[in-house]
Amino acid sequence: MAVNKQIVYMRGRLQWAKVFDLVPNYNKDGYEWTFDLALDRDGEKQAKQYKVLKTKEKGENTVLSFKQKELRSNGSANNPITVTDAAGKPWPTDTALGNDTVADVKFEIWDFGPGKFPGIYPKAIRVLDHVPYEKQEFAPLSADDAFFSKAQESEKAHSVKNDDFVGSFLGHTASDDLDDDVEAL
């Protein structure tokens, strides 16, 4: 049976993008590249049109999940997902893509016939608006958390104002009146 294939392009916001380094798959018996693409209303309509809307809900967005195995079923290597900037230049592999990075995704849809869900295989990502990846061990405390006020106090205590730092470095404090040191010519 011949498989119908077609190339599709969609725009959305990347979530959990692991496209430069392989990560263990769900069963821990292989490796893969993976990312989610949060779609807007137009993207959602497009996904419905192509019948690839096997999605999960995250907040208000419909999300397509993409996975590319390291190895095909015959043991040969899959190509990694190509990542470029808006100008088409290769994206630096040491610059991770943070959540909500706006991107175009090129993927291939394989139609396996009636009654079977089509396969979606990512080919390339074009980064349009990069959001830097910032590792965060814990989510911020909510305002109704018992320790929220302590977290704010701690943040204030640990922050250093530039004026105070520079002034203390030069032997002055922020309250020093430095204008009296300037002589009129």
Protein backbone atom coordinates (compact mmCIF):
# COMPACT_ATOMS: atom_id res chain seq x y z
CA MET A 1 0.00 0.00 0.00
CA ALA A 2 1.36 3.40 -0.99
CA VAL A 3 1.56 6.06 1.70
CA ASN A 4 0.33 9.54 0.77
CA LYS A 5 2.83 12.19 1.92
CA GLN A 6 2.56 15.97 2.00
CA ILE A 7 4.65 18.82 3.41
CA VAL A 8 2.88 21.32 5.73
CA TYR A 9 4.02 24.56 7.38
CA MET A 10 2.50 25.88 10.62
CA ARG A 11 3.32 28.79 12.88
CA GLY A 12 3.03 28.69 16.64
CA ARG A 13 4.85 28.94 19.95
CA LEU A 14 7.36 26.24 20.85
CA GLN A 15 7.02 24.50 24.20
CA TRP A 16 9.50 22.08 25.80
CA ALA A 17 11.76 22.13 22.73
CA LYS A 18 14.48 19.49 22.93
CA VAL A 19 15.74 19.69 19.36
CA PHE A 20 19.52 19.93 19.73
CA ASP A 21 20.23 17.06 22.11
CA LEU A 22 18.57 13.67 22.07
CA VAL A 23 16.45 12.78 25.08
CA PRO A 24 15.24 9.35 26.22
CA ASN A 25 11.85 8.39 24.80
CA TYR A 26 8.84 7.56 26.97
CA ASN A 27 9.70 3.84 27.21
CA LYS A 28 13.40 4.57 27.89
CA ASP A 29 14.36 2.16 25.10
CA GLY A 30 15.58 4.76 22.60
CA TYR A 31 16.23 8.44 22.02
CA GLU A 32 14.37 11.21 20.23
CA TRP A 33 14.08 14.92 19.53
CA THR A 34 10.80 16.40 20.74
CA PHE A 35 8.82 19.63 21.03
CA ASP A 36 5.26 20.89 21.30
CA LEU A 37 3.77 23.59 19.09
CA ALA A 38 1.04 25.73 20.67
CA LEU A 39 -1.32 26.84 17.91
CA ASP A 40 -3.47 29.93 17.59
CA ARG A 41 -7.01 29.71 16.18
CA ASP A 42 -5.77 29.74 12.55
CA GLY A 43 -3.25 27.00 13.29
CA GLU A 44 -5.95 24.97 15.02
CA LYS A 45 -8.18 25.25 11.93
CA GLN A 46 -5.27 24.22 9.72
CA ALA A 47 -4.52 21.21 11.95
CA LYS A 48 -8.19 20.15 11.79
CA GLN A 49 -8.10 20.50 8.00
CA TYR A 50 -5.13 18.11 7.79
CA LYS A 51 -6.68 15.80 10.42
CA VAL A 52 -3.60 15.88 12.65
CA LEU A 53 -5.37 17.24 15.70
CA LYS A 54 -4.30 14.49 18.09
CA THR A 55 -3.58 17.20 20.63
CA LYS A 56 -3.48 17.97 24.27
CA GLU A 57 -4.84 21.10 25.87
CA LYS A 58 -2.48 23.42 27.71
CA GLY A 59 -4.23 26.51 28.99
CA GLU A 60 -6.02 28.23 26.13
CA ASN A 61 -3.86 26.73 23.38
CA THR A 62 -4.25 23.65 21.28
CA VAL A 63 -0.92 21.88 21.14
CA LEU A 64 0.57 19.53 18.54
CA SER A 65 3.27 17.24 19.90
CA PHE A 66 6.18 16.36 17.63
CA LYS A 67 8.67 13.54 18.09
CA GLN A 68 11.46 12.42 15.82
CA LYS A 69 13.12 9.14 16.78
CA GLU A 70 16.88 8.89 16.55
CA LEU A 71 16.56 5.60 14.67
CA ARG A 72 14.02 4.36 12.16
CA SER A 73 12.38 0.95 12.62
CA ASN A 74 14.98 -0.57 10.26
CA GLY A 75 17.83 0.74 12.47
CA SER A 76 19.01 3.50 10.12
CA ALA A 77 19.52 6.99 11.56
CA ASN A 78 16.92 9.72 11.16
CA ASN A 79 18.11 13.21 10.29
CA PRO A 80 18.02 15.68 13.17
CA ILE A 81 15.47 18.50 12.94
CA THR A 82 16.97 21.44 11.05
CA VAL A 83 16.75 24.72 13.00
CA THR A 84 17.36 28.10 11.33
CA ASP A 85 16.86 31.76 12.11
CA ALA A 86 14.38 33.96 10.21
CA ALA A 87 17.01 34.62 7.51
CA GLY A 88 17.55 30.88 6.95
CA LYS A 89 20.96 30.73 8.63
CA PRO A 90 21.68 27.74 10.91
CA TRP A 91 20.65 28.33 14.52
CA PRO A 92 23.53 27.96 17.03
CA THR A 93 23.09 24.59 18.73
CA ASP A 94 24.32 26.03 22.04
CA THR A 95 21.38 28.50 22.15
CA ALA A 96 18.37 26.59 23.48
CA LEU A 97 14.84 27.54 22.50
CA GLY A 98 12.76 28.67 25.47
CA ASN A 99 9.03 28.24 25.91
CA ASP A 100 6.92 30.63 23.79
CA THR A 101 9.58 31.03 21.09
CA VAL A 102 7.58 31.92 17.96
CA ALA A 103 8.49 29.63 15.07
CA ASP A 104 7.41 28.18 11.77
CA VAL A 105 7.48 24.39 11.70
CA LYS A 106 7.85 22.35 8.53
CA PHE A 107 6.60 18.79 8.87
CA GLU A 108 5.55 15.89 6.73
CA ILE A 109 2.15 14.20 7.05
CA TRP A 110 1.95 10.53 6.13
CA ASP A 111 -1.58 9.32 5.41
CA PHE A 112 -1.73 5.59 6.15
CA GLY A 113 -5.29 5.18 4.92
CA PRO A 114 -8.84 5.14 6.29
CA GLY A 115 -9.23 4.50 9.99
CA LYS A 116 -5.56 5.15 10.75
CA PHE A 117 -4.19 8.30 12.34
CA PRO A 118 -1.72 10.09 10.05
CA GLY A 119 1.93 10.29 11.05
CA ILE A 120 3.44 13.74 11.54
CA TYR A 121 7.21 14.00 11.18
CA PRO A 122 9.06 17.27 11.91
CA LYS A 123 11.62 18.36 9.32
CA ALA A 124 12.61 21.94 10.18
CA ILE A 125 12.03 24.85 12.56
CA ARG A 126 12.46 28.50 11.59
CA VAL A 127 12.87 30.69 14.70
CA LEU A 128 11.05 34.01 14.28
CA ASP A 129 11.02 35.46 17.81
CA HIS A 130 13.46 33.75 20.18
CA VAL A 131 12.73 33.47 23.88
CA PRO A 132 15.89 32.43 25.76
CA TYR A 133 15.70 29.21 27.73
CA GLU A 134 15.99 29.83 31.45
CA LYS A 135 16.27 26.84 33.71
CA GLN A 136 13.92 27.19 36.66
CA GLU A 137 13.98 24.64 39.46
CA PHE A 138 10.68 25.79 40.98
CA ALA A 139 7.65 27.70 39.74
CA PRO A 140 7.24 31.14 41.38
CA LEU A 141 5.16 31.22 44.54
CA SER A 142 1.60 32.46 44.06
CA ALA A 143 0.35 35.51 45.96
CA ASP A 144 -1.91 33.33 48.14
CA ASP A 145 0.99 31.09 49.27
CA ALA A 146 1.88 31.41 52.98
CA PHE A 147 5.55 32.02 52.06
CA PHE A 148 4.94 34.56 49.27
CA SER A 149 5.77 37.61 51.44
CA LYS A 150 8.96 35.94 52.72
CA ALA A 151 10.04 35.30 49.13
CA GLN A 152 9.53 38.97 48.27
CA GLU A 153 11.50 40.07 51.35
CA SER A 154 14.30 37.69 50.43
CA GLU A 155 14.36 39.00 46.87
CA LYS A 156 14.64 42.60 48.13
CA ALA A 157 17.40 41.67 50.58
CA HIS A 158 19.45 39.95 47.87
CA SER A 159 19.06 42.61 45.21
CA VAL A 160 21.89 45.10 44.90
CA LYS A 161 21.21 48.50 43.39
CA ASN A 162 23.80 49.62 40.86
CA ASP A 163 24.17 53.05 42.47
CA ASP A 164 24.90 51.56 45.89
CA PHE A 165 27.34 49.03 44.44
CA VAL A 166 29.26 51.60 42.37
CA GLY A 167 29.22 54.09 45.24
CA SER A 168 30.53 51.54 47.74
CA PHE A 169 33.16 50.44 45.21
CA LEU A 170 34.37 54.04 44.92
CA GLY A 171 34.27 54.57 48.68
CA HIS A 172 31.04 56.59 48.68
CA THR A 173 27.56 55.77 49.79
CA ALA A 174 24.40 56.62 47.91
CA SER A 175 23.70 59.43 50.39
CA ASP A 176 27.02 61.21 49.74
CA ASP A 177 26.62 64.56 48.05
CA LEU A 178 29.17 64.19 45.24
CA ASP A 179 28.39 67.58 43.69
CA ASP A 180 30.49 69.42 46.30
CA ASP A 181 33.62 67.69 44.99
CA VAL A 182 33.34 69.45 41.64
CA GLU A 183 35.10 72.80 41.44
CA ALA A 184 33.81 75.59 39.27
CA LEU A 185 36.23 76.62 36.51
